[in-house]
Amino acid sequence: GNEQNLQLRTLLKELDSCIDLDKVTYARIGAVKEGSVRPVRVTFEKKDFVPWVLSRSRVLKDSDQFPSVFLGPDRSVEERQAHRKLVEEMKKKRLEIPDRVFFIRQGSVCSKPRHTDDQD
């Protein structure tokens, strides 16, 4: 409802968005389960907005209001299965090599050295 609309507007403002929110549709998806938060599917008027919004999603980590919000692309069933395997592989590598930071880029698990405060 109105609260969800306000949160979406605030989130897009946090991303420095100039997207016309009157041309954006959104809806909660999935079954209602107590103690869990359902994802919101957001559909933009133009597909060109999706890569831009996804590229700006890192800004949310540093925000006061949305540090735990995750933005991801709409994926097919096959894409979700492949991504889930990559996430499992990444988690396994994090446990095996704790001094590196792991992330997924362009369909593969990548890593870089972990920065610690005493290295600055």
C-alpha atoms as a PDB file:
ATOM      1  CA  GLY A   1       0.000   0.000   0.000  1.00  0.00           C
ATOM      2  CA  ASN A   2       1.034   3.564   0.720  1.00  0.00           C
ATOM      3  CA  GLU A   3       3.844   2.590   3.118  1.00  0.00           C
ATOM      4  CA  GLN A   4       5.362   0.285   0.502  1.00  0.00           C
ATOM      5  CA  ASN A   5       5.071   3.053  -2.105  1.00  0.00           C
ATOM      6  CA  LEU A   6       6.827   5.495   0.225  1.00  0.00           C
ATOM      7  CA  GLN A   7       9.620   2.985   0.938  1.00  0.00           C
ATOM      8  CA  LEU A   8      10.132   2.359  -2.794  1.00  0.00           C
ATOM      9  CA  ARG A   9      10.278   6.105  -3.472  1.00  0.00           C
ATOM     10  CA  THR A  10      12.774   6.570  -0.630  1.00  0.00           C
ATOM     11  CA  LEU A  11      14.909   3.659  -1.865  1.00  0.00           C
ATOM     12  CA  LEU A  12      15.040   5.003  -5.416  1.00  0.00           C
ATOM     13  CA  LYS A  13      15.912   8.482  -4.110  1.00  0.00           C
ATOM     14  CA  GLU A  14      18.774   6.868  -2.145  1.00  0.00           C
ATOM     15  CA  LEU A  15      20.050   5.561  -5.492  1.00  0.00           C
ATOM     16  CA  ASP A  16      19.913   9.098  -6.947  1.00  0.00           C
ATOM     17  CA  SER A  17      17.188   7.928  -9.276  1.00  0.00           C
ATOM     18  CA  CYS A  18      15.278  10.145 -11.663  1.00  0.00           C
ATOM     19  CA  ILE A  19      12.890   7.326 -12.582  1.00  0.00           C
ATOM     20  CA  ASP A  20       9.246   8.370 -12.779  1.00  0.00           C
ATOM     21  CA  LEU A  21       7.661   6.270 -10.027  1.00  0.00           C
ATOM     22  CA  ASP A  22       4.208   6.706 -11.528  1.00  0.00           C
ATOM     23  CA  LYS A  23       5.422   4.393 -14.305  1.00  0.00           C
ATOM     24  CA  VAL A  24       6.820   1.735 -11.954  1.00  0.00           C
ATOM     25  CA  THR A  25       4.782  -1.260 -10.816  1.00  0.00           C
ATOM     26  CA  TYR A  26       5.593  -3.454  -7.848  1.00  0.00           C
ATOM     27  CA  ALA A  27       4.090  -6.346  -5.924  1.00  0.00           C
ATOM     28  CA  ARG A  28       5.087  -8.655  -3.083  1.00  0.00           C
ATOM     29  CA  ILE A  29       5.747 -12.188  -4.313  1.00  0.00           C
ATOM     30  CA  GLY A  30       5.775 -15.541  -2.583  1.00  0.00           C
ATOM     31  CA  ALA A  31       3.697 -17.010   0.206  1.00  0.00           C
ATOM     32  CA  VAL A  32       3.178 -15.169   3.473  1.00  0.00           C
ATOM     33  CA  LYS A  33       5.235 -16.813   6.245  1.00  0.00           C
ATOM     34  CA  GLU A  34       5.461 -15.518   9.762  1.00  0.00           C
ATOM     35  CA  GLY A  35       8.915 -14.192  10.581  1.00  0.00           C
ATOM     36  CA  SER A  36      10.054 -13.813   6.980  1.00  0.00           C
ATOM     37  CA  VAL A  37      10.077 -10.935   4.550  1.00  0.00           C
ATOM     38  CA  ARG A  38       8.705 -11.515   1.076  1.00  0.00           C
ATOM     39  CA  PRO A  39      10.570 -10.073  -1.888  1.00  0.00           C
ATOM     40  CA  VAL A  40       9.128  -7.248  -3.944  1.00  0.00           C
ATOM     41  CA  ARG A  41       9.126  -7.520  -7.732  1.00  0.00           C
ATOM     42  CA  VAL A  42       9.606  -4.099  -9.283  1.00  0.00           C
ATOM     43  CA  THR A  43       8.869  -3.563 -12.972  1.00  0.00           C
ATOM     44  CA  PHE A  44      10.122  -0.446 -14.715  1.00  0.00           C
ATOM     45  CA  GLU A  45       8.573   1.195 -17.756  1.00  0.00           C
ATOM     46  CA  LYS A  46      11.847   0.798 -19.665  1.00  0.00           C
ATOM     47  CA  LYS A  47      14.187  -2.196 -19.457  1.00  0.00           C
ATOM     48  CA  ASP A  48      17.107   0.244 -19.714  1.00  0.00           C
ATOM     49  CA  PHE A  49      16.517   1.228 -16.073  1.00  0.00           C
ATOM     50  CA  VAL A  50      17.223  -2.268 -14.712  1.00  0.00           C
ATOM     51  CA  PRO A  51      21.025  -2.385 -15.264  1.00  0.00           C
ATOM     52  CA  TRP A  52      21.342   1.164 -13.961  1.00  0.00           C
ATOM     53  CA  VAL A  53      19.412   0.426 -10.759  1.00  0.00           C
ATOM     54  CA  LEU A  54      21.335  -2.832 -10.223  1.00  0.00           C
ATOM     55  CA  SER A  55      24.671  -1.064 -10.733  1.00  0.00           C
ATOM     56  CA  ARG A  56      23.721   1.521  -8.089  1.00  0.00           C
ATOM     57  CA  SER A  57      22.541  -1.085  -5.555  1.00  0.00           C
ATOM     58  CA  ARG A  58      25.875  -1.036  -3.683  1.00  0.00           C
ATOM     59  CA  VAL A  59      24.979   2.464  -2.491  1.00  0.00           C
ATOM     60  CA  LEU A  60      22.307   0.877  -0.303  1.00  0.00           C
ATOM     61  CA  LYS A  61      24.877  -1.030   1.813  1.00  0.00           C
ATOM     62  CA  ASP A  62      26.209   2.277   3.118  1.00  0.00           C
ATOM     63  CA  SER A  63      22.804   3.869   3.647  1.00  0.00           C
ATOM     64  CA  ASP A  64      21.216   4.241   7.073  1.00  0.00           C
ATOM     65  CA  GLN A  65      17.783   3.103   5.897  1.00  0.00           C
ATOM     66  CA  PHE A  66      18.517   0.190   3.540  1.00  0.00           C
ATOM     67  CA  PRO A  67      21.749  -1.604   4.573  1.00  0.00           C
ATOM     68  CA  SER A  68      20.132  -5.052   4.386  1.00  0.00           C
ATOM     69  CA  VAL A  69      18.214  -4.572   1.112  1.00  0.00           C
ATOM     70  CA  PHE A  70      19.327  -6.815  -1.741  1.00  0.00           C
ATOM     71  CA  LEU A  71      18.546  -5.999  -5.366  1.00  0.00           C
ATOM     72  CA  GLY A  72      18.822  -8.702  -7.992  1.00  0.00           C
ATOM     73  CA  PRO A  73      17.720  -9.282 -11.554  1.00  0.00           C
ATOM     74  CA  ASP A  74      14.627 -11.279 -12.438  1.00  0.00           C
ATOM     75  CA  ARG A  75      15.901 -14.779 -13.217  1.00  0.00           C
ATOM     76  CA  SER A  76      14.364 -17.798 -14.935  1.00  0.00           C
ATOM     77  CA  VAL A  77      14.157 -21.106 -13.039  1.00  0.00           C
ATOM     78  CA  GLU A  78      17.354 -22.317 -14.740  1.00  0.00           C
ATOM     79  CA  GLU A  79      19.173 -19.069 -13.969  1.00  0.00           C
ATOM     80  CA  ARG A  80      18.096 -19.269 -10.316  1.00  0.00           C
ATOM     81  CA  GLN A  81      19.413 -22.848 -10.052  1.00  0.00           C
ATOM     82  CA  ALA A  82      22.745 -21.885 -11.629  1.00  0.00           C
ATOM     83  CA  HIS A  83      23.036 -18.836  -9.351  1.00  0.00           C
ATOM     84  CA  ARG A  84      22.219 -20.952  -6.284  1.00  0.00           C
ATOM     85  CA  LYS A  85      25.085 -23.321  -7.197  1.00  0.00           C
ATOM     86  CA  LEU A  86      27.452 -20.366  -7.519  1.00  0.00           C
ATOM     87  CA  VAL A  87      26.375 -19.051  -4.107  1.00  0.00           C
ATOM     88  CA  GLU A  88      26.963 -22.484  -2.527  1.00  0.00           C
ATOM     89  CA  GLU A  89      30.406 -22.665  -4.157  1.00  0.00           C
ATOM     90  CA  MET A  90      31.196 -19.155  -2.913  1.00  0.00           C
ATOM     91  CA  LYS A  91      30.155 -20.018   0.664  1.00  0.00           C
ATOM     92  CA  LYS A  92      32.336 -23.139   0.591  1.00  0.00           C
ATOM     93  CA  LYS A  93      35.346 -21.138  -0.619  1.00  0.00           C
ATOM     94  CA  ARG A  94      34.779 -18.505   2.097  1.00  0.00           C
ATOM     95  CA  LEU A  95      35.103 -21.212   4.734  1.00  0.00           C
ATOM     96  CA  GLU A  96      38.168 -22.773   3.073  1.00  0.00           C
ATOM     97  CA  ILE A  97      40.024 -19.482   2.485  1.00  0.00           C
ATOM     98  CA  PRO A  98      38.900 -16.942   5.121  1.00  0.00           C
ATOM     99  CA  ASP A  99      41.572 -14.342   4.262  1.00  0.00           C
ATOM    100  CA  ARG A 100      39.943 -13.590   0.884  1.00  0.00           C
ATOM    101  CA  VAL A 101      36.674 -11.889  -0.050  1.00  0.00           C
ATOM    102  CA  PHE A 102      34.582 -13.887  -2.520  1.00  0.00           C
ATOM    103  CA  PHE A 103      31.931 -12.564  -4.889  1.00  0.00           C
ATOM    104  CA  ILE A 104      30.100 -13.578  -8.059  1.00  0.00           C
ATOM    105  CA  ARG A 105      30.919 -11.763 -11.303  1.00  0.00           C
ATOM    106  CA  GLN A 106      29.709 -12.642 -14.775  1.00  0.00           C
ATOM    107  CA  GLY A 107      28.729 -16.195 -13.867  1.00  0.00           C
ATOM    108  CA  SER A 108      31.790 -17.239 -11.865  1.00  0.00           C
ATOM    109  CA  VAL A 109      33.116 -17.042  -8.316  1.00  0.00           C
ATOM    110  CA  CYS A 110      35.926 -14.485  -7.962  1.00  0.00           C
ATOM    111  CA  SER A 111      38.006 -13.331  -5.008  1.00  0.00           C
ATOM    112  CA  LYS A 112      40.317 -10.610  -3.791  1.00  0.00           C
ATOM    113  CA  PRO A 113      42.430 -10.178  -0.644  1.00  0.00           C
ATOM    114  CA  ARG A 114      40.499  -9.221   2.470  1.00  0.00           C
ATOM    115  CA  HIS A 115      41.409  -5.757   3.757  1.00  0.00           C
ATOM    116  CA  THR A 116      41.998  -5.464   7.478  1.00  0.00           C
ATOM    117  CA  ASP A 117      42.367  -2.308   9.548  1.00  0.00           C
ATOM    118  CA  ASP A 118      46.034  -2.926  10.329  1.00  0.00           C
ATOM    119  CA  GLN A 119      46.908  -2.961   6.602  1.00  0.00           C
ATOM    120  CA  ASP A 120      45.765   0.635   6.049  1.00  0.00           C
END
